[in-house]
């Protein structure tokens, strides 16, 4: 019986680790985007147009859509 509970404990730890990694990835994406918004590049319309199509912005937009959905 103790062996079975040990298995469940490991499964729970694995799920918590997966969740923590997802949260860390999302926080890193938010940090990259906020650094861009605070940079001088944001003041240039040309730079903004180029940046909008990068994967960081697309990731950030996906992140916004997913807030509260998990």
N, C-alpha and C. Protein backbone atom coordinates (compact mmCIF):
# COMPACT_ATOMS: atom_id res chain seq x y z
N UNK A 1 0.81 -1.18 0.00
CA UNK A 1 0.00 0.00 0.00
C UNK A 1 0.87 1.27 0.00
N UNK A 2 1.95 1.26 0.76
CA UNK A 2 2.84 2.41 0.81
C UNK A 2 3.47 2.66 -0.57
N UNK A 3 3.71 1.56 -1.29
CA UNK A 3 4.29 1.68 -2.63
C UNK A 3 3.33 2.44 -3.55
N UNK A 4 2.05 2.15 -3.44
CA UNK A 4 1.05 2.80 -4.28
C UNK A 4 0.99 4.31 -3.97
N UNK A 5 1.01 4.67 -2.70
CA UNK A 5 0.98 6.08 -2.34
C UNK A 5 2.26 6.79 -2.80
N UNK A 6 3.37 6.08 -2.78
CA UNK A 6 4.62 6.65 -3.28
C UNK A 6 4.51 6.98 -4.76
N UNK A 7 3.84 6.11 -5.52
CA UNK A 7 3.63 6.36 -6.95
C UNK A 7 2.79 7.61 -7.16
N UNK A 8 1.70 7.72 -6.40
CA UNK A 8 0.83 8.90 -6.54
C UNK A 8 1.57 10.17 -6.14
N UNK A 9 2.40 10.06 -5.15
CA UNK A 9 3.19 11.21 -4.71
C UNK A 9 4.13 11.67 -5.83
N UNK A 10 4.75 10.72 -6.51
CA UNK A 10 5.66 11.07 -7.61
C UNK A 10 4.88 11.68 -8.78
N UNK A 11 3.72 11.13 -9.07
CA UNK A 11 2.88 11.68 -10.15
C UNK A 11 2.51 13.12 -9.83
N UNK A 12 2.13 13.36 -8.60
CA UNK A 12 1.76 14.72 -8.17
C UNK A 12 2.97 15.67 -8.29
N UNK A 13 4.13 15.22 -7.86
CA UNK A 13 5.34 16.04 -7.98
C UNK A 13 5.65 16.36 -9.44
N UNK A 14 5.48 15.37 -10.32
CA UNK A 14 5.73 15.58 -11.74
C UNK A 14 4.77 16.62 -12.33
N UNK A 15 3.50 16.53 -11.94
CA UNK A 15 2.51 17.50 -12.43
C UNK A 15 2.81 18.90 -11.91
N UNK A 16 3.23 19.01 -10.68
CA UNK A 16 3.59 20.32 -10.13
C UNK A 16 4.80 20.89 -10.87
N UNK A 17 5.77 20.06 -11.17
CA UNK A 17 6.95 20.51 -11.91
C UNK A 17 6.57 20.99 -13.31
N UNK A 18 5.65 20.27 -13.98
CA UNK A 18 5.19 20.69 -15.31
C UNK A 18 4.51 22.05 -15.23
N UNK A 19 3.64 22.20 -14.23
CA UNK A 19 2.93 23.47 -14.05
C UNK A 19 3.92 24.61 -13.78
N UNK A 20 4.89 24.35 -12.93
CA UNK A 20 5.89 25.39 -12.60
C UNK A 20 6.69 25.79 -13.83
N UNK A 21 7.00 24.84 -14.70
CA UNK A 21 7.74 25.15 -15.92
C UNK A 21 6.89 26.01 -16.86
N UNK A 22 5.62 25.69 -16.99
CA UNK A 22 4.72 26.48 -17.84
C UNK A 22 4.63 27.91 -17.31
N UNK A 23 4.49 28.05 -16.01
CA UNK A 23 4.42 29.38 -15.41
C UNK A 23 5.71 30.15 -15.63
N UNK A 24 6.84 29.49 -15.46
CA UNK A 24 8.14 30.15 -15.67
C UNK A 24 8.30 30.59 -17.12
N UNK A 25 7.87 29.75 -18.07
CA UNK A 25 7.95 30.12 -19.48
C UNK A 25 7.08 31.33 -19.78
N UNK A 26 5.88 31.36 -19.25
CA UNK A 26 4.98 32.50 -19.48
C UNK A 26 5.55 33.77 -18.85
N UNK A 27 6.11 33.65 -17.66
CA UNK A 27 6.70 34.82 -17.01
C UNK A 27 7.89 35.35 -17.81
N UNK A 28 8.67 34.46 -18.40
CA UNK A 28 9.81 34.90 -19.22
C UNK A 28 9.32 35.65 -20.46
N UNK A 29 8.24 35.18 -21.06
CA UNK A 29 7.68 35.86 -22.23
C UNK A 29 7.16 37.25 -21.86
N UNK A 30 6.51 37.34 -20.72
CA UNK A 30 6.01 38.63 -20.26
C UNK A 30 7.18 39.58 -20.00
N UNK A 31 8.22 39.07 -19.37
CA UNK A 31 9.39 39.91 -19.08
C UNK A 31 10.04 40.44 -20.36
N UNK A 32 10.19 39.57 -21.37
CA UNK A 32 10.79 40.01 -22.63
C UNK A 32 9.95 41.10 -23.28
N UNK A 33 8.65 40.93 -23.28
CA UNK A 33 7.79 41.91 -23.92
C UNK A 33 7.77 43.23 -23.14
N UNK A 34 7.74 43.15 -21.83
CA UNK A 34 7.73 44.39 -21.04
C UNK A 34 9.05 45.14 -21.19
N UNK A 35 10.16 44.41 -21.32
CA UNK A 35 11.45 45.08 -21.57
C UNK A 35 11.42 45.80 -22.90
N UNK A 36 10.80 45.18 -23.90
CA UNK A 36 10.69 45.85 -25.20
C UNK A 36 9.84 47.11 -25.08
N UNK A 37 8.71 47.00 -24.38
CA UNK A 37 7.83 48.17 -24.24
C UNK A 37 8.53 49.32 -23.52
N UNK A 38 9.43 48.99 -22.63
CA UNK A 38 10.16 50.02 -21.89
C UNK A 38 11.41 50.49 -22.61
N UNK A 39 11.74 49.88 -23.73
CA UNK A 39 12.95 50.26 -24.45
C UNK A 39 12.67 51.44 -25.37
N UNK A 40 13.73 52.03 -25.85
CA UNK A 40 13.59 53.16 -26.76
C UNK A 40 13.08 52.70 -28.12
N UNK A 41 13.24 51.43 -28.44
CA UNK A 41 12.77 50.92 -29.74
C UNK A 41 11.26 51.07 -29.88
N UNK A 42 10.55 51.00 -28.76
CA UNK A 42 9.10 51.09 -28.81
C UNK A 42 8.64 52.46 -29.32
N UNK A 43 9.47 53.46 -29.15
CA UNK A 43 9.10 54.81 -29.58
C UNK A 43 9.18 54.97 -31.09
N UNK A 44 9.82 54.04 -31.75
CA UNK A 44 9.96 54.11 -33.20
C UNK A 44 8.89 53.24 -33.85
N UNK A 45 8.04 53.85 -34.68
CA UNK A 45 6.98 53.11 -35.35
C UNK A 45 7.50 52.00 -36.24
N UNK A 46 8.62 52.25 -36.92
CA UNK A 46 9.19 51.23 -37.80
C UNK A 46 9.61 50.00 -37.01
N UNK A 47 10.26 50.23 -35.89
CA UNK A 47 10.69 49.11 -35.06
C UNK A 47 9.48 48.34 -34.54
N UNK A 48 8.44 49.05 -34.16
CA UNK A 48 7.24 48.39 -33.64
C UNK A 48 6.61 47.52 -34.72
N UNK A 49 6.52 48.05 -35.94
CA UNK A 49 5.94 47.26 -37.05
C UNK A 49 6.73 45.98 -37.27
N UNK A 50 8.05 46.07 -37.21
CA UNK A 50 8.88 44.87 -37.39
C UNK A 50 8.70 43.91 -36.22
N UNK A 51 8.60 44.47 -35.03
CA UNK A 51 8.53 43.64 -33.83
C UNK A 51 7.19 42.91 -33.71
N UNK A 52 6.13 43.50 -34.19
CA UNK A 52 4.79 42.92 -34.05
C UNK A 52 4.73 41.51 -34.62
N UNK A 53 5.47 41.25 -35.68
CA UNK A 53 5.40 39.94 -36.32
C UNK A 53 6.41 38.94 -35.77
N UNK A 54 7.15 39.30 -34.74
CA UNK A 54 8.12 38.36 -34.18
C UNK A 54 7.42 37.35 -33.28
N UNK A 55 8.11 36.28 -33.00
CA UNK A 55 7.51 35.22 -32.19
C UNK A 55 7.26 35.68 -30.76
N UNK A 56 8.08 36.60 -30.23
CA UNK A 56 7.84 37.07 -28.86
C UNK A 56 6.47 37.71 -28.73
N UNK A 57 6.11 38.54 -29.69
CA UNK A 57 4.82 39.22 -29.63
C UNK A 57 3.70 38.21 -29.83
N UNK A 58 3.89 37.31 -30.76
CA UNK A 58 2.85 36.30 -30.98
C UNK A 58 2.67 35.44 -29.74
N UNK A 59 3.77 35.08 -29.08
CA UNK A 59 3.68 34.33 -27.83
C UNK A 59 2.94 35.13 -26.77
N UNK A 60 3.25 36.43 -26.72
CA UNK A 60 2.62 37.28 -25.72
C UNK A 60 1.11 37.38 -25.98
N UNK A 61 0.72 37.50 -27.22
CA UNK A 61 -0.70 37.57 -27.55
C UNK A 61 -1.41 36.26 -27.20
N UNK A 62 -0.76 35.14 -27.46
CA UNK A 62 -1.33 33.85 -27.08
C UNK A 62 -1.46 33.76 -25.56
N UNK A 63 -0.47 34.31 -24.88
CA UNK A 63 -0.48 34.29 -23.43
C UNK A 63 -1.67 35.09 -22.91
N UNK A 64 -1.93 36.24 -23.50
CA UNK A 64 -3.06 37.06 -23.08
C UNK A 64 -4.37 36.30 -23.29
N UNK A 65 -4.49 35.64 -24.43
CA UNK A 65 -5.71 34.88 -24.70
C UNK A 65 -5.90 33.77 -23.67
N UNK A 66 -4.79 33.20 -23.19
CA UNK A 66 -4.87 32.06 -22.29
C UNK A 66 -4.98 32.41 -20.82
N UNK A 67 -4.92 33.68 -20.47
CA UNK A 67 -4.99 34.06 -19.06
C UNK A 67 -6.32 33.63 -18.47
N UNK A 68 -6.24 32.91 -17.38
CA UNK A 68 -7.45 32.46 -16.70
C UNK A 68 -8.05 31.19 -17.27
N UNK A 69 -7.44 30.63 -18.30
CA UNK A 69 -8.01 29.45 -18.94
C UNK A 69 -7.43 28.16 -18.40
N UNK A 70 -6.39 28.26 -17.61
CA UNK A 70 -5.76 27.03 -17.13
C UNK A 70 -6.19 26.69 -15.73
